[in-house]
Structures are given as structure tokens and as C-alpha cells.
Amino acid sequence: MTGLPFIPETITVHMGAPASNAENITVSFPDYVKNVASSEIFPTWPENSLRANIYVIVTFALNRIYTEWYRAKGYNFDITSSTQYDQKFINGREIFDNISRLTDELFKNYVVRQGSIEPLFTQFCNGTTVTCDGLSQWGTVGLAEQNYTPYEILQYYYGDDINIVTDAVVMTNTPSFPGVDLRLGTFGNDVRTLQVQLNRISRNYPAIPKISEIDGAFGVQTEDAVKKFQEIFNLPQTGVVNRATWYKIAYIYVSVKKLAELNSEGLRLEDVQKQYREELVPGMQTSEVKTLQYFLAVIGAYYESVQPVDITGYYGEQTEASVKSFQKVFGLPETGTVNRAVWNDLYRAYMGIIESVPIDNEHDVILFQGRILKEGMSGEDVRLLQEYLTFINKSYPNIPAVNNTGYFGPVTRSSVLAFQRQFGQPQTGFVGAVTWNEIAGLYSDLKYGFDKRPYQNPGYTIKEA
């Protein structure tokens, strides 16, 4: 649950109650909807009744997938076949022709509350032997016979404040866990999601400290919030968000916002907005492209088969060729574009270099150490940052000098902001790969008169298998 909802290509159904020892069946999403509709309702019902029920079946399933209701609990499926929990699915059953036709028309449409983006938890029951707060399947027949439209039928049961999202995009359903642990110094959209969720959870669990800036950079405040969350929910208090912590946070977030209930608090678009572009393609010119090029430049300096690239911010033919060479070396599809899987492998390769490159007193111009530096953090990389800024101050007095304490306080932040203003960078106040590289490069030029950054003259290469 890290972005806008979409229609999954497939859905995995557990053929029994959640904890039962039953098999899992993976089918295409349209085939799932056709099966459930053929199992739950009668093909002889009026067409408006059938349409309203198909909207509800689609939306119910999408809510389970979007909230990762079962996967966040550790299960390896999206939904069950048990009507006690979900919708009736009978593997291999006959599909009615008219239901198949209507599903092909409607399976990319779903119901939302106005002002919210998540698929509504469209609770329903048959309306005869079982009644509930949501839609009555048999009740839709009577409404259709009174010439209610499908939308009016849905409004009758779920209220006037609903919309139907139409023609949603179809995508492969992938787990929301980033694929790499999130920790102090990591950054990106997944960190932003984590920060939004922890801040909302803290309203119900006030012991969890608020994160003052939702900026996508994992700082000390985020680490403190994670540790307190782990303490409250009996997880190891590492401050690192691994798979277990990620899904526990996701599950509690869904629970406190009631996203899997009819009276959902709702998700707003700004709750899931992406701060960083995750998909980079040729033709782009962004700060994310600069970060990509920095990683490729370093990796290309140490891996013989990865083509180095200039750090320009423009995704041209050189960058595309470099990406393809990286993908070839690391066994990824050679698309020339960068998605989350490529980002993760880039980061792993880069961090492998950081761990391999020796740092000694004679090599004070070092590589970005792989973690965003921001206020509240400390360490040797912070001390070196302060040393660089203080030396730069001799030539650029509007960039404040900083005591080399190793602690990133307000003065260090002011100096970073001044550097970013001076050299036309986004004024974030924290130091990522691009800002670090430009600070280190200027420091090297001013102190030594030439570029001493390690990836310009690495001294050795890493042999690929």
C-alpha cells in the first residue's frame, strides 16, 4: 500500500479459512471476479442488479489486495474462498455467459468514498438468511426492478458520497515491502510512506513520537518512532524496518484508519503521493537522474563491465547504455530503464563498494557513505562533511564554517542549505549522494587543485563473476 490502487493481473485465493491447511489458487483477476459472481449471484437477475454486484465484488477484492490484509499478517495469499471472511470462490466452476460479458466490461472499475482513494470495503450479504450493514444481494433485485441504475443501487447501500473509478490501470501485483531494509540514512518514497503511517499510528499510540518532517529521509526522529513502535508491538527494538516491522506497521495503519471496514477513515491522495520518481526512463532530466548517474559513475569505476557515465542530470544515450551494462552484469532484464528492482541492486552494489574501499587519513575525499545525512545524525561522515564545508568557507564565505564535531546540528544544516543555494541544488537541508558528491568535488578542487574523489581514480577494480 504505497501508491494509487490498480487492477492486479492475478489474485491468489486460499481455498478455505485463513489459518486452514488449504491450497492456494492463483488466477487472473477477471477470472476471479467471474467465478465469485457466478457463485454469489444468479445470472437471471436484472442486468442493473448484476452490474451493481460485480462492482461490489471487484471493490471488495481490491480492498483486500490494496490493504495487504492477509499478506501483512504473514499469509502468502490475497483473499480466501470462505464467505465467513471474504467471497465465495469455487475452483473450476461453470461461468455464466452474461456474467462473463459484464465482468469483462466492469473489472477495471471500483467504488471509493468521495475524497478517498482506497477501494471501499464493500461489505455485502445475501439479504435473506444473512443481513449486514452493507449491500443486500437480493435487495438489489428489487431496486433494479424499480429502475434504479447500478450507481443508484450502490448509493442506496453505501451512501450518496461514493464515486466509481473507471478504467483503472492493470499492473503486476508486487509486495509493498521495499526489498531492502530501511534504516538511519536511507531515503525514498518507502521512507515517506513509513513516516506517514507512523505519524497516523501515533494518534492511537501517543508513546510513538511524532516525526516533524515527512521528507522521505530516514533520520533520528524516524528511527526513534520505529524503535518505540517495535517496543509496543513486541518486535526487536533495532530501529531498522525489515520485512516483519514493515508489515506490522502496515497492518496497524490499516487497522487504526479502518481501511478494511465499511466506515473507513479514508486515504487521501496526499497520503500516498510519491516524493521521488521511482521509474526513470530516457529523456528525463531530474535530480533523481543525477543520483542514478552518481551511483553508476562509482559502480562503473570499480566494475570493469559497467559503463561509466557523466553526472549531468539528463537521461540520455550514455546513461541508457550504462544502465543496460549494469543490468547485464547483475542479471536483470536489459531494458535501459530503472525501476525499484534496479534501484535496489544499484544500492546493494554501491554499498558493496563502500565496504570494500579502504579509508585512511591520506584519502580524506571519500565516497558518499550510502546514508542521507540530516539534522540529528552523527558519525565520521558527518565530521568529514563539516570539514569539507569549513574548508569551502575560505573561498565561499557565505557558506558558514562548522565545528568538526561529528554531530549534524542546526549550524551544519544552515551551512548545507547555503551550499545548496550557492550551487543551484534543491534546498533540502540534508545531504544525499548528489550534494555530497558536489561538496566533496569542490573541496578536492580547492584543497588539491584537482579531483581526488575515489571514483575518478579508483586504483583497483572489482572482478565480476
Protein backbone atom coordinates (compact mmCIF):
# COMPACT_ATOMS: atom_id res chain seq x y z
CA MET A 1 0.00 0.00 0.00
CA THR A 2 2.48 2.56 -1.18
CA GLY A 3 0.67 4.30 -4.01
CA LEU A 4 -2.52 4.56 -6.01
CA PRO A 5 -4.72 1.47 -6.31
CA PHE A 6 -4.57 -0.55 -9.50
CA ILE A 7 -6.12 -3.68 -11.00
CA PRO A 8 -3.83 -6.68 -10.40
CA GLU A 9 -3.13 -9.08 -13.24
CA THR A 10 -3.67 -12.02 -10.89
CA ILE A 11 -5.04 -12.77 -7.43
CA THR A 12 -4.13 -15.65 -5.11
CA VAL A 13 -7.07 -17.31 -3.35
CA HIS A 14 -6.72 -19.50 -0.25
CA MET A 15 -9.28 -22.29 -0.59
CA GLY A 16 -10.53 -22.19 2.98
CA ALA A 17 -10.43 -20.17 6.19
CA PRO A 18 -7.26 -18.08 6.66
CA ALA A 19 -5.47 -20.41 9.07
CA SER A 20 -6.62 -23.64 7.41
CA ASN A 21 -4.24 -26.03 5.68
CA ALA A 22 -5.81 -25.44 2.27
CA GLU A 23 -4.25 -24.94 -1.14
CA ASN A 24 -3.73 -21.58 -2.81
CA ILE A 25 -5.04 -20.96 -6.33
CA THR A 26 -3.69 -18.11 -8.47
CA VAL A 27 -5.99 -16.95 -11.26
CA SER A 28 -6.34 -13.85 -13.42
CA PHE A 29 -8.27 -11.09 -11.70
CA PRO A 30 -11.13 -11.06 -14.28
CA ASP A 31 -11.49 -14.86 -13.95
CA TYR A 32 -11.67 -14.49 -10.17
CA VAL A 33 -14.46 -11.92 -10.43
CA LYS A 34 -16.38 -14.09 -12.91
CA ASN A 35 -16.07 -17.09 -10.59
CA VAL A 36 -17.22 -15.19 -7.49
CA ALA A 37 -20.10 -13.51 -9.33
CA SER A 38 -21.23 -16.88 -10.76
CA SER A 39 -21.05 -18.34 -7.22
CA GLU A 40 -22.64 -15.46 -5.30
CA ILE A 41 -25.48 -14.21 -7.54
CA PHE A 42 -27.93 -15.53 -10.15
CA PRO A 43 -27.49 -14.84 -13.87
CA THR A 44 -31.26 -14.40 -14.25
CA TRP A 45 -31.28 -11.26 -12.11
CA PRO A 46 -31.87 -7.88 -13.84
CA GLU A 47 -28.76 -6.53 -15.53
CA ASN A 48 -28.56 -3.44 -13.30
CA SER A 49 -28.58 -5.75 -10.28
CA LEU A 50 -25.79 -7.86 -11.79
CA ARG A 51 -23.74 -4.77 -12.58
CA ALA A 52 -24.07 -3.39 -9.03
CA ASN A 53 -23.00 -6.74 -7.57
CA ILE A 54 -19.99 -7.01 -9.88
CA TYR A 55 -18.85 -3.53 -8.83
CA VAL A 56 -19.08 -4.69 -5.22
CA ILE A 57 -17.21 -7.97 -5.83
CA VAL A 58 -14.40 -6.19 -7.67
CA THR A 59 -14.07 -3.49 -5.00
CA PHE A 60 -14.12 -5.94 -2.07
CA ALA A 61 -11.27 -7.94 -3.62
CA LEU A 62 -9.28 -4.80 -4.43
CA ASN A 63 -9.60 -3.63 -0.82
CA ARG A 64 -8.10 -6.91 0.39
CA ILE A 65 -5.23 -6.59 -2.08
CA TYR A 66 -4.59 -2.87 -1.57
CA THR A 67 -4.52 -3.09 2.23
CA GLU A 68 -2.49 -6.34 2.02
CA TRP A 69 -4.95 -7.58 4.60
CA TYR A 70 -3.66 -11.15 4.66
CA ARG A 71 -0.09 -10.65 3.46
CA ALA A 72 0.51 -8.13 6.26
CA LYS A 73 -0.39 -10.94 8.68
CA GLY A 74 2.22 -13.23 7.17
CA TYR A 75 -0.03 -15.23 4.83
CA ASN A 76 1.01 -15.90 1.24
CA PHE A 77 -2.34 -15.16 -0.38
CA ASP A 78 -4.58 -12.18 -1.13
CA ILE A 79 -8.04 -13.42 -0.21
CA THR A 80 -9.87 -16.56 0.93
CA SER A 81 -12.72 -18.55 -0.58
CA SER A 82 -14.56 -18.57 2.76
CA THR A 83 -17.75 -16.49 2.90
CA GLN A 84 -17.17 -16.16 6.63
CA TYR A 85 -14.27 -13.86 5.78
CA ASP A 86 -14.45 -12.96 2.11
CA GLN A 87 -16.24 -14.03 -1.09
CA LYS A 88 -17.32 -17.41 -2.43
CA PHE A 89 -14.88 -18.88 -4.94
CA ILE A 90 -15.31 -22.40 -6.32
CA ASN A 91 -12.30 -23.57 -8.28
CA GLY A 92 -13.23 -24.88 -11.72
CA ARG A 93 -16.90 -23.94 -11.56
CA GLU A 94 -19.04 -23.06 -14.58
CA ILE A 95 -19.07 -19.35 -15.51
CA PHE A 96 -22.32 -17.86 -16.83
CA ASP A 97 -22.08 -16.14 -20.21
CA ASN A 98 -23.79 -12.87 -19.27
CA ILE A 99 -21.77 -12.57 -16.07
CA SER A 100 -18.57 -13.19 -18.06
CA ARG A 101 -19.53 -10.47 -20.55
CA LEU A 102 -20.38 -7.92 -17.85
CA THR A 103 -17.19 -8.70 -15.91
CA ASP A 104 -15.04 -8.10 -18.98
CA GLU A 105 -16.67 -4.67 -19.19
CA LEU A 106 -16.51 -3.78 -15.49
CA PHE A 107 -13.49 -5.44 -13.84
CA LYS A 108 -11.35 -2.27 -14.10
CA ASN A 109 -13.92 -0.17 -12.20
CA TYR A 110 -14.27 0.11 -8.43
CA VAL A 111 -16.05 2.08 -5.71
CA VAL A 112 -14.46 4.76 -3.49
CA ARG A 113 -15.67 7.30 -0.98
CA GLN A 114 -15.53 10.83 -2.33
CA GLY A 115 -12.25 12.38 -1.23
CA SER A 116 -10.62 8.98 -0.62
CA ILE A 117 -8.55 6.83 -2.94
CA GLU A 118 -8.64 3.33 -1.45
CA PRO A 119 -11.17 0.81 -2.79
CA LEU A 120 -14.08 0.91 -0.33
CA PHE A 121 -14.58 -2.15 1.84
CA THR A 122 -17.87 -3.00 0.11
CA GLN A 123 -19.35 -5.29 2.73
CA PHE A 124 -22.31 -7.34 1.45
CA CYS A 125 -24.55 -10.27 2.34
CA ASN A 126 -27.37 -12.18 0.67
CA GLY A 127 -30.06 -10.15 2.48
CA THR A 128 -32.25 -13.16 3.26
CA THR A 129 -30.55 -15.65 5.59
CA VAL A 130 -27.87 -13.11 6.49
CA THR A 131 -28.16 -9.33 6.83
CA CYS A 132 -25.43 -6.75 7.32
CA ASP A 133 -24.67 -3.03 7.15
CA GLY A 134 -23.64 -3.22 3.52
CA LEU A 135 -25.32 -4.31 0.30
CA SER A 136 -28.11 -6.89 0.19
CA GLN A 137 -27.63 -9.06 -2.88
CA TRP A 138 -31.30 -9.98 -3.12
CA GLY A 139 -32.24 -6.39 -2.28
CA THR A 140 -30.51 -5.22 -5.45
CA VAL A 141 -33.05 -7.21 -7.48
CA GLY A 142 -36.00 -5.23 -6.14
CA LEU A 143 -34.18 -1.93 -6.67
CA ALA A 144 -33.30 -2.86 -10.24
CA GLU A 145 -36.94 -3.76 -10.88
CA GLN A 146 -37.79 -0.22 -9.72
CA ASN A 147 -35.44 1.06 -12.48
CA TYR A 148 -32.57 2.02 -10.16
CA THR A 149 -29.30 2.36 -12.07
CA PRO A 150 -26.25 0.40 -10.81
CA TYR A 151 -24.83 3.60 -9.33
CA GLU A 152 -28.13 4.41 -7.59
CA ILE A 153 -28.22 0.88 -6.17
CA LEU A 154 -24.73 1.37 -4.76
CA GLN A 155 -25.70 4.75 -3.32
CA TYR A 156 -28.75 3.16 -1.67
CA TYR A 157 -26.49 0.84 0.33
CA TYR A 158 -23.26 2.78 0.72
CA GLY A 159 -24.44 6.40 0.79
CA ASP A 160 -24.52 9.31 -1.63
CA ASP A 161 -20.83 10.15 -1.10
CA ILE A 162 -19.40 7.45 -3.37
CA ASN A 163 -17.71 7.57 -6.74
CA ILE A 164 -16.86 4.88 -9.26
CA VAL A 165 -13.29 4.89 -10.54
CA THR A 166 -13.32 3.70 -14.14
CA ASP A 167 -10.72 2.12 -16.41
CA ALA A 168 -8.06 1.74 -13.72
CA VAL A 169 -4.61 0.65 -14.84
CA VAL A 170 -3.80 -3.08 -14.84
CA MET A 171 -0.42 -3.93 -13.26
CA THR A 172 1.52 -6.82 -11.80
CA ASN A 173 0.78 -7.05 -8.09
CA THR A 174 4.07 -6.83 -6.17
CA PRO A 175 4.59 -6.80 -2.38
CA SER A 176 4.83 -3.33 -0.83
CA PHE A 177 7.94 -4.22 1.20
CA PRO A 178 10.80 -2.29 -0.47
CA GLY A 179 13.07 -5.31 -0.85
CA VAL A 180 15.80 -3.73 1.28
CA ASP A 181 15.71 -2.83 4.97
CA LEU A 182 15.04 0.81 5.80
CA ARG A 183 17.37 2.29 8.38
CA LEU A 184 19.00 5.52 9.55
CA GLY A 185 20.16 7.35 6.43
CA THR A 186 18.02 5.61 3.80
CA PHE A 187 15.67 7.69 1.71
CA GLY A 188 12.93 7.49 -0.88
CA ASN A 189 9.20 7.01 -1.28
CA ASP A 190 9.13 3.99 1.00
CA VAL A 191 10.60 6.07 3.84
CA ARG A 192 7.95 8.73 3.19
CA THR A 193 5.23 6.05 3.38
CA LEU A 194 6.73 4.80 6.63
CA GLN A 195 6.75 8.31 8.11
CA VAL A 196 3.11 8.97 7.13
CA GLN A 197 1.98 5.68 8.62
CA LEU A 198 3.90 6.05 11.89
CA ASN A 199 2.56 9.58 12.41
CA ARG A 200 -1.02 8.37 11.94
CA ILE A 201 -0.48 5.38 14.23
CA SER A 202 0.90 7.72 16.90
CA ARG A 203 -2.56 9.31 17.26
CA ASN A 204 -3.78 5.98 18.66
CA TYR A 205 -0.47 5.14 20.37
CA PRO A 206 0.80 8.51 21.74
CA ALA A 207 4.01 6.96 23.08
CA ILE A 208 5.26 6.84 19.50
CA PRO A 209 6.98 10.22 18.91
CA LYS A 210 5.82 12.35 16.01
CA ILE A 211 8.10 12.81 13.01
CA SER A 212 8.17 16.56 12.40
CA GLU A 213 9.07 16.45 8.69
CA ILE A 214 7.61 13.98 6.21
CA ASP A 215 10.56 14.31 3.84
CA GLY A 216 11.38 10.77 2.76
CA ALA A 217 14.73 10.82 4.60
CA PHE A 218 15.18 8.35 7.47
CA GLY A 219 16.56 10.48 10.28
CA VAL A 220 16.85 10.16 14.04
CA GLN A 221 13.19 11.07 14.62
CA THR A 222 12.07 8.30 12.28
CA GLU A 223 14.44 5.86 13.97
CA ASP A 224 13.06 6.80 17.41
CA ALA A 225 9.48 6.31 16.19
CA VAL A 226 10.36 2.92 14.74
CA LYS A 227 12.03 1.79 17.96
CA LYS A 228 9.02 2.80 20.06
CA PHE A 229 6.67 1.06 17.63
CA GLN A 230 8.80 -2.09 17.87
CA GLU A 231 8.73 -1.89 21.66
CA ILE A 232 4.93 -1.53 21.78
CA PHE A 233 4.33 -4.42 19.37
CA ASN A 234 6.96 -6.78 20.79
CA LEU A 235 9.41 -6.64 17.91
CA PRO A 236 13.21 -6.44 18.30
CA GLN A 237 13.98 -2.78 19.04
CA THR A 238 16.55 -2.25 16.30
CA GLY A 239 15.21 0.93 14.73
CA VAL A 240 15.57 -0.89 11.40
CA VAL A 241 12.48 -1.60 9.31
CA ASN A 242 12.81 -5.13 7.99
CA ARG A 243 10.02 -7.16 6.40
CA ALA A 244 8.42 -8.05 9.74
CA THR A 245 8.38 -4.46 11.01
CA TRP A 246 7.21 -3.09 7.63
CA TYR A 247 4.16 -5.34 7.52
CA LYS A 248 3.36 -4.87 11.20
CA ILE A 249 3.32 -1.10 10.65
CA ALA A 250 1.19 -1.56 7.52
CA TYR A 251 -1.27 -3.79 9.39
CA ILE A 252 -1.63 -1.41 12.36
CA TYR A 253 -2.01 1.55 9.98
CA VAL A 254 -4.84 -0.20 8.12
CA SER A 255 -6.43 -1.07 11.46
CA VAL A 256 -6.35 2.41 13.03
CA LYS A 257 -7.68 4.00 9.83
CA LYS A 258 -10.27 1.20 9.42
CA LEU A 259 -9.32 0.89 5.75
CA ALA A 260 -10.67 -2.66 5.65
CA GLU A 261 -14.01 -1.65 7.17
CA LEU A 262 -17.13 -0.03 5.75
CA ASN A 263 -16.68 3.04 7.96
CA SER A 264 -13.12 3.63 6.75
CA GLU A 265 -11.40 6.86 7.76
CA GLY A 266 -10.17 7.03 4.16
CA LEU A 267 -6.87 7.61 2.42
CA ARG A 268 -6.25 10.95 0.72
CA LEU A 269 -4.12 11.37 -2.36
CA GLU A 270 -1.52 13.29 -0.37
CA ASP A 271 -1.15 10.29 1.96
CA VAL A 272 0.31 8.21 -0.85
CA GLN A 273 1.99 10.83 -3.03
CA LYS A 274 5.43 9.87 -4.24
CA GLN A 275 8.16 12.35 -3.39
CA TYR A 276 10.75 10.75 -5.63
CA ARG A 277 10.44 9.27 -9.11
CA GLU A 278 10.93 5.52 -8.86
CA GLU A 279 10.71 4.84 -12.59
CA LEU A 280 13.43 6.60 -14.56
CA VAL A 281 13.44 6.45 -18.37
CA PRO A 282 15.45 8.01 -21.19
CA GLY A 283 14.61 11.66 -21.85
CA MET A 284 14.13 12.63 -18.20
CA GLN A 285 16.07 15.49 -16.62
CA THR A 286 15.68 15.39 -12.82
CA SER A 287 17.61 15.31 -9.56
CA GLU A 288 16.80 11.59 -9.35
CA VAL A 289 18.65 11.08 -12.63
CA LYS A 290 21.68 12.80 -11.07
CA THR A 291 21.55 10.36 -8.16
CA LEU A 292 21.28 7.45 -10.59
CA GLN A 293 24.27 8.75 -12.56
CA TYR A 294 26.34 9.16 -9.40
CA PHE A 295 25.77 5.53 -8.45
CA LEU A 296 26.54 4.40 -12.00
CA ALA A 297 29.69 6.55 -12.10
CA VAL A 298 31.01 4.96 -8.92
CA ILE A 299 29.98 1.43 -9.85
CA GLY A 300 31.38 1.91 -13.35
CA ALA A 301 34.73 2.91 -11.86
CA TYR A 302 35.01 -0.31 -9.87
CA TYR A 303 33.26 -2.85 -12.14
CA GLU A 304 35.01 -3.31 -15.47
CA SER A 305 31.84 -4.27 -17.35
CA VAL A 306 29.66 -1.39 -16.15
CA GLN A 307 29.97 1.62 -18.42
CA PRO A 308 30.79 4.85 -16.50
CA VAL A 309 28.58 7.88 -17.02
CA ASP A 310 28.84 11.65 -16.60
CA ILE A 311 26.70 13.25 -13.88
CA THR A 312 24.59 15.70 -15.87
CA GLY A 313 21.03 15.12 -14.66
CA TYR A 314 19.92 14.24 -18.22
CA TYR A 315 18.96 10.63 -19.03
CA GLY A 316 20.47 10.36 -22.50
CA GLU A 317 22.02 7.61 -24.60
CA GLN A 318 25.13 7.38 -22.39
CA THR A 319 23.04 6.82 -19.25
CA GLU A 320 20.79 4.31 -21.00
CA ALA A 321 23.85 2.35 -22.18
CA SER A 322 25.30 2.44 -18.66
CA VAL A 323 22.04 1.18 -17.15
CA LYS A 324 21.92 -1.67 -19.67
CA SER A 325 25.50 -2.64 -18.88
CA PHE A 326 24.69 -2.66 -15.16
CA GLN A 327 21.58 -4.76 -15.77
CA LYS A 328 23.62 -7.26 -17.80
CA VAL A 329 26.28 -7.64 -15.09
CA PHE A 330 23.68 -8.10 -12.33
CA GLY A 331 21.36 -10.44 -14.25
CA LEU A 332 18.46 -8.02 -14.71
CA PRO A 333 16.37 -7.55 -17.88
CA GLU A 334 18.34 -5.18 -20.13
CA THR A 335 15.61 -2.55 -20.51
CA GLY A 336 17.71 0.58 -20.15
CA THR A 337 15.15 1.92 -17.67
CA VAL A 338 15.29 2.00 -13.86
CA ASN A 339 12.55 0.56 -11.64
CA ARG A 340 12.54 -0.41 -7.98
CA ALA A 341 14.39 -3.70 -8.61
CA VAL A 342 17.17 -1.88 -10.45
CA TRP A 343 17.39 0.77 -7.71
CA ASN A 344 17.73 -1.93 -5.05
CA ASP A 345 20.54 -3.71 -6.92
CA LEU A 346 22.27 -0.38 -7.62
CA TYR A 347 22.20 0.40 -3.91
CA ARG A 348 23.48 -3.07 -2.96
CA ALA A 349 26.31 -2.84 -5.48
CA TYR A 350 27.21 0.66 -4.32
CA MET A 351 27.24 -0.34 -0.66
CA GLY A 352 29.44 -3.31 -1.54
CA ILE A 353 31.96 -0.83 -2.93
CA ILE A 354 31.73 1.39 0.15
CA GLU A 355 32.52 -1.63 2.34
CA SER A 356 35.45 -2.58 0.08
CA VAL A 357 37.14 0.78 -0.46
CA PRO A 358 39.66 1.44 2.31
CA ILE A 359 39.51 4.81 4.02
CA ASP A 360 42.62 6.20 5.67
CA ASN A 361 43.94 9.58 6.72
CA GLU A 362 45.65 10.08 3.37
CA HIS A 363 42.36 9.78 1.47
CA ASP A 364 40.16 12.40 3.06
CA VAL A 365 37.98 12.84 -0.05
CA ILE A 366 35.70 9.88 0.36
CA LEU A 367 32.66 8.47 -1.41
CA PHE A 368 29.13 9.15 -0.20
CA GLN A 369 28.69 6.58 2.55
CA GLY A 370 25.25 5.46 1.44
CA ARG A 371 23.15 7.24 4.01
CA ILE A 372 21.36 10.57 3.86
CA LEU A 373 22.77 12.98 6.43
CA LYS A 374 20.31 15.26 8.16
CA GLU A 375 19.86 17.15 11.41
CA GLY A 376 20.19 14.96 14.50
CA MET A 377 22.57 12.42 12.96
CA SER A 378 26.19 11.86 13.92
CA GLY A 379 29.21 9.93 12.73
CA GLU A 380 32.52 10.12 10.91
CA ASP A 381 30.82 11.01 7.63
CA VAL A 382 29.16 13.99 9.36
CA ARG A 383 32.54 15.09 10.70
CA LEU A 384 34.07 14.91 7.22
CA LEU A 385 31.12 16.85 5.80
CA GLN A 386 31.76 19.58 8.36
CA GLU A 387 35.46 19.57 7.48
CA TYR A 388 34.64 19.98 3.78
CA LEU A 389 32.21 22.84 4.43
CA THR A 390 34.64 24.64 6.71
CA PHE A 391 37.39 24.47 4.10
CA ILE A 392 34.98 25.65 1.38
CA ASN A 393 34.10 28.63 3.62
CA LYS A 394 37.59 30.07 2.98
CA SER A 395 36.69 30.61 -0.68
CA TYR A 396 32.93 30.99 -0.27
CA PRO A 397 32.38 32.98 2.96
CA ASN A 398 28.59 32.92 2.50
CA ILE A 399 28.78 29.18 3.25
CA PRO A 400 29.22 29.10 7.04
CA ALA A 401 32.13 27.26 8.63
CA VAL A 402 31.16 24.45 11.02
CA ASN A 403 32.93 22.94 14.01
CA ASN A 404 34.01 19.37 13.19
CA THR A 405 32.02 17.76 15.99
CA GLY A 406 30.56 14.85 14.04
CA TYR A 407 27.05 15.93 15.09
CA PHE A 408 24.68 17.33 12.46
CA GLY A 409 23.07 20.26 14.26
CA PRO A 410 21.33 23.48 13.13
CA VAL A 411 24.63 25.18 12.14
CA THR A 412 25.56 22.29 9.88
CA ARG A 413 22.09 22.39 8.35
CA SER A 414 22.44 26.14 7.70
CA SER A 415 25.79 25.55 6.01
CA VAL A 416 24.34 22.77 3.83
CA LEU A 417 21.42 24.99 2.83
CA ALA A 418 23.83 27.80 1.93
CA PHE A 419 25.86 25.42 -0.24
CA GLN A 420 22.70 24.18 -1.97
CA ARG A 421 21.60 27.77 -2.65
CA GLN A 422 25.03 28.75 -3.94
CA PHE A 423 25.21 25.86 -6.40
CA GLY A 424 21.59 25.65 -7.53
CA GLN A 425 20.59 22.45 -5.75
CA PRO A 426 17.21 21.70 -4.17
CA GLN A 427 17.34 23.33 -0.74
CA THR A 428 16.51 20.33 1.44
CA GLY A 429 19.00 20.90 4.26
CA PHE A 430 20.10 17.27 4.11
CA VAL A 431 22.96 15.65 2.23
CA GLY A 432 22.32 12.88 -0.25
CA ALA A 433 24.58 11.39 -2.90
CA VAL A 434 24.48 14.37 -5.26
CA THR A 435 25.06 17.07 -2.62
CA TRP A 436 27.83 15.00 -1.04
CA ASN A 437 29.50 14.50 -4.40
CA GLU A 438 29.41 18.20 -5.24
CA ILE A 439 30.68 19.24 -1.80
CA ALA A 440 33.48 16.65 -1.94
CA GLY A 441 34.37 17.64 -5.50
CA LEU A 442 34.61 21.35 -4.67
CA TYR A 443 36.62 20.58 -1.52
CA SER A 444 39.04 18.49 -3.57
CA ASP A 445 39.46 21.15 -6.25
CA LEU A 446 40.03 23.91 -3.70
CA LYS A 447 42.43 21.95 -1.49
CA TYR A 448 44.41 19.93 -4.03
CA GLY A 449 43.80 21.68 -7.32
CA PHE A 450 42.44 18.53 -8.94
CA ASP A 451 39.72 15.93 -8.48
CA LYS A 452 40.76 13.42 -5.82
CA ARG A 453 37.36 11.74 -5.47
CA PRO A 454 37.94 7.95 -5.32
CA TYR A 455 35.77 7.02 -8.30
CA GLN A 456 37.82 9.31 -10.57
CA ASN A 457 40.97 7.31 -9.76
CA PRO A 458 39.78 4.13 -8.01
CA GLY A 459 43.11 2.31 -8.01
CA TYR A 460 41.55 -1.11 -8.37
CA THR A 461 38.53 -2.82 -9.89
CA ILE A 462 36.08 -5.44 -8.71
CA LYS A 463 36.11 -8.54 -10.88
CA GLU A 464 32.65 -9.80 -11.78
CA ALA A 465 31.84 -13.46 -11.55
